[in-house]
Amino acid sequence: MKNLIKFFIFIVYSTIIFFLPNNKFILILILLNFLLMIFLKKYIKNIIINTLKLVPFIIFTFIINLFMDNFINSIWIGVKLLIVCNITVIYANTNTILKIAETMQLLCSPLKIFKIDTNEIKILVCISLSMIPVLKNELYEIKYSCRAKNISFNIKNMKIILSKLFVSLIMRANQIEESLIAKGYDS
């Protein structure tokens, strides 16, 4: 139940940020995020590094908004997006994949009325979230193998890159399927 409350607070907080007017409330939220990072001392380095990794996306969004709207509104959208990305990184660093999956299972518990097994939803969420770092590592391996074979990692060679990625993903999916069957999830 604690994870569910934490999830709802995260969703409401992230949503409210975009509905607040562009004024001192945003500065209060920046301060709140900063205080939350200080409170979570052991995660502060991870939070800062992972938030900084999202800065190119935030700058891209700022530039798009600059073409669509004026400079001041573009800055406010960029600041709001930075706050949302920061709180998302904080949420991700303070929760495990299993906690997030259990929260999703709890959220989906009304689906039991329609005879949907929420344990399967929990397993799917765990597998999905666990595959993100695997995909990242696979892309790095493909990138370095392309570099070793003197193949440039760009749009022209996307057919080669994607075919290697899909083959490795299918192999991973087969491994996951075999392990689930071995553990008795073959229904």
N, C-alpha and C. Protein backbone atom coordinates (compact mmCIF):
# COMPACT_ATOMS: atom_id res chain seq x y z
N MET A 1 0.82 -1.19 0.00
CA MET A 1 0.00 0.00 0.00
C MET A 1 0.87 1.26 0.00
N LYS A 2 2.00 1.19 0.71
CA LYS A 2 2.92 2.33 0.77
C LYS A 2 3.43 2.67 -0.63
N ASN A 3 3.76 1.64 -1.42
CA ASN A 3 4.24 1.86 -2.79
C ASN A 3 3.17 2.48 -3.67
N LEU A 4 1.93 2.06 -3.45
CA LEU A 4 0.82 2.61 -4.23
C LEU A 4 0.63 4.10 -3.93
N ILE A 5 0.70 4.47 -2.67
CA ILE A 5 0.58 5.88 -2.28
C ILE A 5 1.73 6.69 -2.87
N LYS A 6 2.93 6.13 -2.79
CA LYS A 6 4.10 6.78 -3.35
C LYS A 6 3.95 6.98 -4.87
N PHE A 7 3.39 5.97 -5.54
CA PHE A 7 3.16 6.05 -6.99
C PHE A 7 2.15 7.14 -7.32
N PHE A 8 1.05 7.20 -6.57
CA PHE A 8 0.03 8.22 -6.83
C PHE A 8 0.57 9.62 -6.57
N ILE A 9 1.36 9.77 -5.51
CA ILE A 9 1.98 11.08 -5.24
C ILE A 9 2.88 11.47 -6.39
N PHE A 10 3.66 10.52 -6.90
CA PHE A 10 4.55 10.77 -8.04
C PHE A 10 3.75 11.20 -9.27
N ILE A 11 2.68 10.49 -9.59
CA ILE A 11 1.85 10.81 -10.77
C ILE A 11 1.20 12.19 -10.61
N VAL A 12 0.61 12.44 -9.46
CA VAL A 12 -0.07 13.72 -9.23
C VAL A 12 0.94 14.87 -9.28
N TYR A 13 2.07 14.69 -8.62
CA TYR A 13 3.12 15.73 -8.60
C TYR A 13 3.60 16.02 -10.02
N SER A 14 3.88 14.97 -10.79
CA SER A 14 4.37 15.15 -12.16
C SER A 14 3.34 15.83 -13.05
N THR A 15 2.08 15.52 -12.84
CA THR A 15 1.02 16.11 -13.66
C THR A 15 0.76 17.56 -13.29
N ILE A 16 0.74 17.83 -12.01
CA ILE A 16 0.44 19.20 -11.54
C ILE A 16 1.47 20.20 -12.04
N ILE A 17 2.71 19.77 -12.18
CA ILE A 17 3.78 20.67 -12.60
C ILE A 17 3.42 21.40 -13.90
N PHE A 18 2.82 20.68 -14.84
CA PHE A 18 2.51 21.29 -16.14
C PHE A 18 1.25 22.16 -16.10
N PHE A 19 0.46 22.06 -15.04
CA PHE A 19 -0.74 22.88 -14.93
C PHE A 19 -0.53 24.12 -14.06
N LEU A 20 0.62 24.20 -13.40
CA LEU A 20 0.89 25.37 -12.57
C LEU A 20 1.25 26.57 -13.44
N PRO A 21 0.91 27.76 -12.98
CA PRO A 21 1.30 28.95 -13.74
C PRO A 21 2.81 29.15 -13.67
N ASN A 22 3.32 29.88 -14.62
CA ASN A 22 4.76 30.14 -14.69
C ASN A 22 5.13 31.24 -13.70
N ASN A 23 5.33 30.86 -12.45
CA ASN A 23 5.70 31.84 -11.44
C ASN A 23 6.41 31.18 -10.28
N LYS A 24 6.24 31.73 -9.10
CA LYS A 24 6.99 31.28 -7.93
C LYS A 24 6.68 29.84 -7.53
N PHE A 25 5.54 29.29 -7.93
CA PHE A 25 5.24 27.89 -7.61
C PHE A 25 6.27 26.94 -8.22
N ILE A 26 6.72 27.26 -9.41
CA ILE A 26 7.74 26.44 -10.06
C ILE A 26 9.04 26.48 -9.26
N LEU A 27 9.39 27.65 -8.76
CA LEU A 27 10.59 27.78 -7.94
C LEU A 27 10.46 26.98 -6.64
N ILE A 28 9.27 26.94 -6.08
CA ILE A 28 9.03 26.14 -4.88
C ILE A 28 9.21 24.66 -5.19
N LEU A 29 8.75 24.23 -6.37
CA LEU A 29 8.91 22.82 -6.76
C LEU A 29 10.38 22.47 -6.99
N ILE A 30 11.14 23.41 -7.55
CA ILE A 30 12.58 23.19 -7.73
C ILE A 30 13.23 23.00 -6.37
N LEU A 31 12.86 23.84 -5.42
CA LEU A 31 13.38 23.74 -4.06
C LEU A 31 12.95 22.41 -3.42
N LEU A 32 11.71 22.01 -3.65
CA LEU A 32 11.21 20.75 -3.11
C LEU A 32 11.98 19.56 -3.68
N ASN A 33 12.24 19.57 -4.98
CA ASN A 33 13.05 18.51 -5.59
C ASN A 33 14.45 18.48 -5.00
N PHE A 34 15.03 19.66 -4.84
CA PHE A 34 16.38 19.77 -4.28
C PHE A 34 16.42 19.22 -2.86
N LEU A 35 15.43 19.58 -2.04
CA LEU A 35 15.36 19.07 -0.66
C LEU A 35 15.16 17.55 -0.64
N LEU A 36 14.37 17.06 -1.56
CA LEU A 36 14.16 15.61 -1.66
C LEU A 36 15.45 14.89 -2.02
N MET A 37 16.24 15.49 -2.92
CA MET A 37 17.54 14.90 -3.28
C MET A 37 18.47 14.91 -2.08
N ILE A 38 18.47 15.97 -1.31
CA ILE A 38 19.33 16.04 -0.12
C ILE A 38 18.88 15.01 0.91
N PHE A 39 17.57 14.84 1.05
CA PHE A 39 17.03 13.86 1.99
C PHE A 39 17.45 12.44 1.62
N LEU A 40 17.55 12.16 0.33
CA LEU A 40 17.96 10.83 -0.17
C LEU A 40 19.46 10.83 -0.46
N LYS A 41 20.25 11.05 0.54
CA LYS A 41 21.70 11.22 0.39
C LYS A 41 22.38 10.14 -0.44
N LYS A 42 22.02 8.88 -0.19
CA LYS A 42 22.75 7.80 -0.86
C LYS A 42 22.46 7.72 -2.35
N TYR A 43 21.42 8.37 -2.81
CA TYR A 43 21.07 8.34 -4.24
C TYR A 43 21.47 9.62 -4.97
N ILE A 44 21.95 10.63 -4.26
CA ILE A 44 22.12 11.97 -4.85
C ILE A 44 23.02 11.96 -6.09
N LYS A 45 24.11 11.20 -6.06
CA LYS A 45 25.02 11.17 -7.20
C LYS A 45 24.32 10.55 -8.42
N ASN A 46 23.63 9.43 -8.21
CA ASN A 46 22.88 8.78 -9.29
C ASN A 46 21.80 9.70 -9.86
N ILE A 47 21.10 10.39 -8.97
CA ILE A 47 20.02 11.27 -9.40
C ILE A 47 20.56 12.40 -10.27
N ILE A 48 21.65 13.00 -9.84
CA ILE A 48 22.23 14.12 -10.61
C ILE A 48 22.74 13.63 -11.96
N ILE A 49 23.47 12.51 -11.96
CA ILE A 49 24.02 11.98 -13.22
C ILE A 49 22.90 11.61 -14.19
N ASN A 50 21.88 10.91 -13.70
CA ASN A 50 20.79 10.48 -14.59
C ASN A 50 19.93 11.66 -15.05
N THR A 51 19.80 12.69 -14.23
CA THR A 51 19.07 13.88 -14.67
C THR A 51 19.86 14.62 -15.73
N LEU A 52 21.18 14.70 -15.55
CA LEU A 52 22.02 15.38 -16.55
C LEU A 52 22.01 14.64 -17.90
N LYS A 53 21.82 13.33 -17.86
CA LYS A 53 21.73 12.56 -19.11
C LYS A 53 20.50 12.96 -19.92
N LEU A 54 19.49 13.49 -19.24
CA LEU A 54 18.24 13.88 -19.91
C LEU A 54 18.26 15.32 -20.43
N VAL A 55 19.30 16.06 -20.13
CA VAL A 55 19.40 17.47 -20.54
C VAL A 55 19.31 17.63 -22.07
N PRO A 56 19.95 16.77 -22.89
CA PRO A 56 19.78 16.96 -24.35
C PRO A 56 18.31 16.88 -24.79
N PHE A 57 17.54 15.97 -24.19
CA PHE A 57 16.11 15.87 -24.49
C PHE A 57 15.39 17.15 -24.08
N ILE A 58 15.74 17.69 -22.93
CA ILE A 58 15.12 18.92 -22.44
C ILE A 58 15.47 20.10 -23.35
N ILE A 59 16.72 20.17 -23.77
CA ILE A 59 17.15 21.24 -24.69
C ILE A 59 16.43 21.11 -26.03
N PHE A 60 16.29 19.88 -26.53
CA PHE A 60 15.56 19.64 -27.78
C PHE A 60 14.12 20.12 -27.65
N THR A 61 13.48 19.80 -26.53
CA THR A 61 12.10 20.25 -26.29
C THR A 61 12.03 21.77 -26.21
N PHE A 62 13.02 22.37 -25.56
CA PHE A 62 13.09 23.83 -25.48
C PHE A 62 13.16 24.44 -26.88
N ILE A 63 14.01 23.89 -27.74
CA ILE A 63 14.18 24.42 -29.09
C ILE A 63 12.90 24.28 -29.90
N ILE A 64 12.24 23.13 -29.79
CA ILE A 64 10.96 22.94 -30.50
C ILE A 64 9.94 23.97 -30.01
N ASN A 65 9.87 24.17 -28.70
CA ASN A 65 8.93 25.15 -28.16
C ASN A 65 9.30 26.57 -28.54
N LEU A 66 10.58 26.80 -28.75
CA LEU A 66 11.03 28.13 -29.17
C LEU A 66 10.46 28.48 -30.54
N PHE A 67 10.39 27.49 -31.42
CA PHE A 67 9.80 27.73 -32.74
C PHE A 67 8.28 27.87 -32.68
N MET A 68 7.66 27.18 -31.73
CA MET A 68 6.20 27.17 -31.65
C MET A 68 5.63 28.31 -30.79
N ASP A 69 6.44 28.80 -29.84
CA ASP A 69 5.96 29.79 -28.88
C ASP A 69 7.06 30.82 -28.66
N ASN A 70 6.89 31.65 -27.68
CA ASN A 70 7.91 32.67 -27.43
C ASN A 70 9.02 32.14 -26.51
N PHE A 71 10.05 32.94 -26.33
CA PHE A 71 11.24 32.54 -25.58
C PHE A 71 10.93 32.25 -24.11
N ILE A 72 10.16 33.11 -23.47
CA ILE A 72 9.86 32.96 -22.04
C ILE A 72 9.08 31.67 -21.78
N ASN A 73 8.05 31.41 -22.57
CA ASN A 73 7.28 30.17 -22.39
C ASN A 73 8.13 28.94 -22.66
N SER A 74 9.05 29.05 -23.61
CA SER A 74 9.95 27.92 -23.90
C SER A 74 10.85 27.62 -22.71
N ILE A 75 11.32 28.66 -22.06
CA ILE A 75 12.15 28.46 -20.86
C ILE A 75 11.33 27.80 -19.76
N TRP A 76 10.10 28.27 -19.56
CA TRP A 76 9.25 27.68 -18.52
C TRP A 76 8.96 26.21 -18.81
N ILE A 77 8.70 25.87 -20.06
CA ILE A 77 8.47 24.46 -20.42
C ILE A 77 9.72 23.64 -20.15
N GLY A 78 10.88 24.19 -20.49
CA GLY A 78 12.14 23.49 -20.22
C GLY A 78 12.36 23.26 -18.73
N VAL A 79 12.06 24.28 -17.91
CA VAL A 79 12.22 24.16 -16.46
C VAL A 79 11.24 23.13 -15.90
N LYS A 80 9.99 23.19 -16.37
CA LYS A 80 9.00 22.21 -15.90
C LYS A 80 9.40 20.79 -16.30
N LEU A 81 9.89 20.64 -17.50
CA LEU A 81 10.33 19.31 -17.95
C LEU A 81 11.53 18.83 -17.14
N LEU A 82 12.43 19.73 -16.80
CA LEU A 82 13.57 19.38 -15.96
C LEU A 82 13.10 18.89 -14.58
N ILE A 83 12.11 19.56 -14.02
CA ILE A 83 11.57 19.15 -12.72
C ILE A 83 10.93 17.77 -12.82
N VAL A 84 10.15 17.55 -13.87
CA VAL A 84 9.49 16.25 -14.05
C VAL A 84 10.53 15.14 -14.27
N CYS A 85 11.54 15.41 -15.09
CA CYS A 85 12.58 14.41 -15.31
C CYS A 85 13.32 14.11 -14.02
N ASN A 86 13.58 15.15 -13.23
CA ASN A 86 14.28 14.96 -11.96
C ASN A 86 13.46 14.12 -10.98
N ILE A 87 12.18 14.41 -10.85
CA ILE A 87 11.35 13.65 -9.92
C ILE A 87 11.17 12.21 -10.42
N THR A 88 11.17 12.03 -11.74
CA THR A 88 11.09 10.67 -12.30
C THR A 88 12.35 9.89 -11.97
N VAL A 89 13.50 10.52 -12.09
CA VAL A 89 14.76 9.87 -11.73
C VAL A 89 14.78 9.55 -10.24
N ILE A 90 14.29 10.48 -9.42
CA ILE A 90 14.22 10.23 -7.98
C ILE A 90 13.33 9.03 -7.70
N TYR A 91 12.17 8.99 -8.34
CA TYR A 91 11.24 7.86 -8.14
C TYR A 91 11.88 6.54 -8.59
N ALA A 92 12.55 6.56 -9.73
CA ALA A 92 13.16 5.34 -10.24
C ALA A 92 14.31 4.86 -9.35
N ASN A 93 15.06 5.79 -8.77
CA ASN A 93 16.19 5.41 -7.91
C ASN A 93 15.75 4.95 -6.53
N THR A 94 14.57 5.33 -6.11
CA THR A 94 14.11 4.93 -4.77
C THR A 94 13.19 3.71 -4.81
N ASN A 95 12.96 3.16 -5.98
CA ASN A 95 12.13 1.97 -6.12
C ASN A 95 12.86 0.90 -6.90
N THR A 96 12.58 -0.33 -6.56
CA THR A 96 13.13 -1.44 -7.34
C THR A 96 12.12 -1.83 -8.41
N ILE A 97 12.58 -2.62 -9.34
CA ILE A 97 11.69 -3.11 -10.40
C ILE A 97 10.55 -3.92 -9.79
N LEU A 98 10.87 -4.71 -8.78
CA LEU A 98 9.85 -5.53 -8.14
C LEU A 98 8.79 -4.66 -7.44
N LYS A 99 9.21 -3.58 -6.79
CA LYS A 99 8.25 -2.69 -6.13
C LYS A 99 7.33 -2.03 -7.15
N ILE A 100 7.89 -1.61 -8.27
CA ILE A 100 7.08 -1.00 -9.32
C ILE A 100 6.10 -2.02 -9.90
N ALA A 101 6.58 -3.25 -10.10
CA ALA A 101 5.71 -4.30 -10.64
C ALA A 101 4.59 -4.64 -9.66
N GLU A 102 4.91 -4.68 -8.37
CA GLU A 102 3.87 -4.95 -7.36
C GLU A 102 2.85 -3.82 -7.31
N THR A 103 3.31 -2.59 -7.51
CA THR A 103 2.39 -1.45 -7.55
C THR A 103 1.45 -1.57 -8.75
N MET A 104 1.99 -1.95 -9.90
CA MET A 104 1.15 -2.14 -11.09
C MET A 104 0.15 -3.29 -10.87
N GLN A 105 0.61 -4.34 -10.21
CA GLN A 105 -0.29 -5.45 -9.91
C GLN A 105 -1.43 -4.99 -9.01
N LEU A 106 -1.10 -4.19 -8.01
CA LEU A 106 -2.12 -3.66 -7.10
C LEU A 106 -3.09 -2.74 -7.85
N LEU A 107 -2.56 -1.92 -8.75
CA LEU A 107 -3.42 -1.03 -9.55
C LEU A 107 -4.36 -1.82 -10.45
N CYS A 108 -3.90 -2.96 -10.92
CA CYS A 108 -4.70 -3.78 -11.83
C CYS A 108 -5.59 -4.77 -11.11
N SER A 109 -5.60 -4.76 -9.79
CA SER A 109 -6.41 -5.74 -9.05
C SER A 109 -7.90 -5.69 -9.37
N PRO A 110 -8.49 -4.54 -9.75
CA PRO A 110 -9.90 -4.57 -10.17
C PRO A 110 -10.15 -5.44 -11.42
N LEU A 111 -9.09 -5.73 -12.17
CA LEU A 111 -9.25 -6.57 -13.36
C LEU A 111 -9.55 -8.03 -13.02
N LYS A 112 -9.41 -8.38 -11.75
CA LYS A 112 -9.74 -9.75 -11.32
C LYS A 112 -11.22 -10.04 -11.54
N ILE A 113 -12.03 -9.01 -11.57
CA ILE A 113 -13.47 -9.17 -11.86
C ILE A 113 -13.65 -9.81 -13.23
N PHE A 114 -12.77 -9.46 -14.17
CA PHE A 114 -12.84 -10.00 -15.53
C PHE A 114 -11.97 -11.25 -15.69
N LYS A 115 -11.57 -11.83 -14.56
CA LYS A 115 -10.75 -13.06 -14.51
C LYS A 115 -9.39 -12.89 -15.19
N ILE A 116 -8.81 -11.72 -15.02
CA ILE A 116 -7.46 -11.46 -15.52
C ILE A 116 -6.49 -11.67 -14.36
N ASP A 117 -5.48 -12.49 -14.59
CA ASP A 117 -4.51 -12.80 -13.55
C ASP A 117 -3.52 -11.65 -13.41
N THR A 118 -3.56 -10.95 -12.28
CA THR A 118 -2.67 -9.81 -12.08
C THR A 118 -1.23 -10.24 -11.82
N ASN A 119 -1.03 -11.50 -11.44
CA ASN A 119 0.35 -11.99 -11.30
C ASN A 119 1.07 -11.99 -12.63
N GLU A 120 0.34 -12.27 -13.69
CA GLU A 120 0.94 -12.23 -15.03
C GLU A 120 1.31 -10.80 -15.41
N ILE A 121 0.49 -9.84 -15.01
CA ILE A 121 0.80 -8.43 -15.27
C ILE A 121 2.07 -8.04 -14.52
N LYS A 122 2.18 -8.50 -13.29
CA LYS A 122 3.39 -8.24 -12.49
C LYS A 122 4.63 -8.81 -13.18
N ILE A 123 4.53 -10.03 -13.68
CA ILE A 123 5.66 -10.66 -14.37
C ILE A 123 6.01 -9.89 -15.64
N LEU A 124 4.99 -9.47 -16.39
CA LEU A 124 5.24 -8.71 -17.62
C LEU A 124 5.92 -7.37 -17.33
N VAL A 125 5.50 -6.70 -16.27
CA VAL A 125 6.14 -5.43 -15.91
C VAL A 125 7.59 -5.66 -15.50
N CYS A 126 7.82 -6.71 -14.71
CA CYS A 126 9.20 -7.02 -14.30
C CYS A 126 10.08 -7.31 -15.51
N ILE A 127 9.59 -8.12 -16.42
CA ILE A 127 10.37 -8.46 -17.62
C ILE A 127 10.61 -7.21 -18.46
N SER A 128 9.57 -6.41 -18.65
CA SER A 128 9.70 -5.20 -19.48
C SER A 128 10.73 -4.23 -18.90
N LEU A 129 10.64 -3.98 -17.61
CA LEU A 129 11.58 -3.04 -17.00
C LEU A 129 12.99 -3.60 -16.93
N SER A 130 13.10 -4.91 -16.80
CA SER A 130 14.43 -5.54 -16.76
C SER A 130 15.09 -5.55 -18.14
N MET A 131 14.29 -5.47 -19.17
CA MET A 131 14.85 -5.51 -20.53
C MET A 131 15.46 -4.18 -20.97
N ILE A 132 15.12 -3.09 -20.31
CA ILE A 132 15.66 -1.78 -20.71
C ILE A 132 17.18 -1.75 -20.62
N PRO A 133 17.78 -2.14 -19.48
CA PRO A 133 19.26 -2.15 -19.46
C PRO A 133 19.86 -3.18 -20.42
N VAL A 134 19.15 -4.27 -20.64
CA VAL A 134 19.63 -5.28 -21.59
C VAL A 134 19.68 -4.70 -22.99
N LEU A 135 18.63 -3.99 -23.38
CA LEU A 135 18.60 -3.35 -24.69
C LEU A 135 19.73 -2.34 -24.84
N LYS A 136 19.94 -1.57 -23.79
CA LYS A 136 21.01 -0.57 -23.80
C LYS A 136 22.37 -1.25 -24.01
N ASN A 137 22.61 -2.32 -23.26
CA ASN A 137 23.87 -3.05 -23.41
C ASN A 137 24.02 -3.69 -24.78
N GLU A 138 22.93 -4.20 -25.31
CA GLU A 138 22.98 -4.80 -26.65
C GLU A 138 23.34 -3.75 -27.70
N LEU A 139 22.75 -2.56 -27.58
CA LEU A 139 23.08 -1.49 -28.52
C LEU A 139 24.55 -1.08 -28.42
N TYR A 140 25.07 -1.01 -27.20
CA TYR A 140 26.49 -0.68 -27.04
C TYR A 140 27.37 -1.76 -27.66
N GLU A 141 27.01 -3.03 -27.45
CA GLU A 141 27.79 -4.12 -28.03
C GLU A 141 27.76 -4.07 -29.56
N ILE A 142 26.59 -3.81 -30.12
CA ILE A 142 26.48 -3.70 -31.57
C ILE A 142 27.29 -2.51 -32.08
N LYS A 143 27.23 -1.42 -31.36
CA LYS A 143 27.98 -0.23 -31.75
C LYS A 143 29.48 -0.52 -31.77
N TYR A 144 29.98 -1.18 -30.73
CA TYR A 144 31.41 -1.48 -30.67
C TYR A 144 31.81 -2.55 -31.68
N SER A 145 30.93 -3.51 -31.95
CA SER A 145 31.26 -4.51 -32.96
C SER A 145 31.25 -3.89 -34.36
N CYS A 146 30.34 -2.94 -34.59
CA CYS A 146 30.36 -2.22 -35.88
C CYS A 146 31.64 -1.42 -36.02
N ARG A 147 32.05 -0.79 -34.95
CA ARG A 147 33.28 -0.01 -34.97
C ARG A 147 34.49 -0.92 -35.25
N ALA A 148 34.48 -2.13 -34.66
CA ALA A 148 35.59 -3.07 -34.87
C ALA A 148 35.63 -3.58 -36.31
N LYS A 149 34.45 -3.67 -36.93
CA LYS A 149 34.37 -4.13 -38.32
C LYS A 149 34.45 -2.97 -39.31
N ASN A 150 34.70 -1.78 -38.81
CA ASN A 150 34.81 -0.57 -39.62
C ASN A 150 33.50 -0.24 -40.34
N ILE A 151 32.40 -0.50 -39.65
CA ILE A 151 31.07 -0.14 -40.16
C ILE A 151 30.59 1.05 -39.33
N SER A 152 30.20 2.11 -40.00
CA SER A 152 29.76 3.30 -39.25
C SER A 152 28.37 3.06 -38.66
N PHE A 153 28.18 3.56 -37.48
CA PHE A 153 26.92 3.40 -36.74
C PHE A 153 26.03 4.58 -37.08
N ASN A 154 25.33 4.50 -38.24
CA ASN A 154 24.48 5.60 -38.68
C ASN A 154 23.24 5.09 -39.39
N ILE A 155 22.47 6.00 -39.94
CA ILE A 155 21.19 5.65 -40.57
C ILE A 155 21.39 4.74 -41.78
N LYS A 156 22.45 4.95 -42.54
CA LYS A 156 22.68 4.13 -43.74
C LYS A 156 22.82 2.65 -43.41
N ASN A 157 23.41 2.35 -42.28
CA ASN A 157 23.65 0.97 -41.89
C ASN A 157 22.62 0.47 -40.88
N MET A 158 21.48 1.13 -40.82
CA MET A 158 20.46 0.77 -39.84
C MET A 158 19.91 -0.64 -40.08
N LYS A 159 19.89 -1.10 -41.33
CA LYS A 159 19.40 -2.45 -41.61
C LYS A 159 20.27 -3.49 -40.92
N ILE A 160 21.57 -3.32 -40.99
CA ILE A 160 22.51 -4.24 -40.35
C ILE A 160 22.36 -4.17 -38.83
N ILE A 161 22.30 -2.95 -38.31
CA ILE A 161 22.23 -2.73 -36.86
C ILE A 161 20.94 -3.31 -36.29
N LEU A 162 19.81 -2.99 -36.93
CA LEU A 162 18.53 -3.47 -36.43
C LEU A 162 18.39 -4.97 -36.55
N SER A 163 18.94 -5.55 -37.63
CA SER A 163 18.84 -7.01 -37.77
C SER A 163 19.61 -7.70 -36.65
N LYS A 164 20.80 -7.20 -36.31
CA LYS A 164 21.57 -7.77 -35.19
C LYS A 164 20.82 -7.58 -33.87
N LEU A 165 20.21 -6.41 -33.70
CA LEU A 165 19.47 -6.13 -32.47
C LEU A 165 18.27 -7.06 -32.33
N PHE A 166 17.51 -7.22 -33.42
CA PHE A 166 16.33 -8.08 -33.35
C PHE A 166 16.69 -9.54 -33.13
N VAL A 167 17.77 -10.00 -33.74
CA VAL A 167 18.21 -11.38 -33.52
C VAL A 167 18.57 -11.57 -32.05
N SER A 168 19.30 -10.63 -31.48
CA SER A 168 19.67 -10.77 -30.07
C SER A 168 18.45 -10.66 -29.17
N LEU A 169 17.47 -9.81 -29.52
CA LEU A 169 16.25 -9.70 -28.73
C LEU A 169 15.42 -10.98 -28.77
N ILE A 170 15.35 -11.59 -29.94
CA ILE A 170 14.61 -12.85 -30.07
C ILE A 170 15.30 -13.94 -29.25
N MET A 171 16.62 -13.95 -29.26
CA MET A 171 17.35 -14.92 -28.45
C MET A 171 17.08 -14.68 -26.96
N ARG A 172 17.07 -13.43 -26.53
CA ARG A 172 16.77 -13.10 -25.13
C ARG A 172 15.34 -13.51 -24.77
N ALA A 173 14.40 -13.24 -25.67
CA ALA A 173 13.01 -13.61 -25.41
C ALA A 173 12.88 -15.13 -25.27
N ASN A 174 13.59 -15.88 -26.09
CA ASN A 174 13.57 -17.34 -25.97
C ASN A 174 14.15 -17.79 -24.64
N GLN A 175 15.23 -17.15 -24.20
CA GLN A 175 15.82 -17.49 -22.90
C GLN A 175 14.85 -17.20 -21.76
N ILE A 176 14.15 -16.08 -21.85
CA ILE A 176 13.17 -15.73 -20.82
C ILE A 176 12.02 -16.73 -20.83
N GLU A 177 11.57 -17.08 -22.03
CA GLU A 177 10.48 -18.06 -22.15
C GLU A 177 10.89 -19.40 -21.54
N GLU A 178 12.10 -19.86 -21.85
CA GLU A 178 12.58 -21.14 -21.30
C GLU A 178 12.69 -21.09 -19.78
N SER A 179 13.16 -19.96 -19.25
CA SER A 179 13.28 -19.87 -17.79
C SER A 179 11.91 -19.80 -17.12
N LEU A 180 10.94 -19.13 -17.76
CA LEU A 180 9.59 -19.08 -17.19
C LEU A 180 8.94 -20.46 -17.23
N ILE A 181 9.14 -21.19 -18.31
CA ILE A 181 8.59 -22.55 -18.40
C ILE A 181 9.24 -23.44 -17.35
N ALA A 182 10.55 -23.29 -17.15
CA ALA A 182 11.25 -24.09 -16.15
C ALA A 182 10.75 -23.78 -14.75
N LYS A 183 10.26 -22.59 -14.53
CA LYS A 183 9.75 -22.21 -13.20
C LYS A 183 8.25 -22.47 -13.06
N GLY A 184 7.63 -23.02 -14.09
CA GLY A 184 6.23 -23.41 -13.99
C GLY A 184 5.22 -22.38 -14.46
N TYR A 185 5.63 -21.40 -15.22
CA TYR A 185 4.71 -20.39 -15.76
C TYR A 185 4.27 -20.72 -17.17
N ASP A 186 3.99 -21.99 -17.45
CA ASP A 186 3.69 -22.40 -18.82
C ASP A 186 2.20 -22.50 -19.10
N SER A 187 1.36 -21.87 -18.31
CA SER A 187 -0.09 -21.97 -18.54
C SER A 187 -0.55 -21.08 -19.65
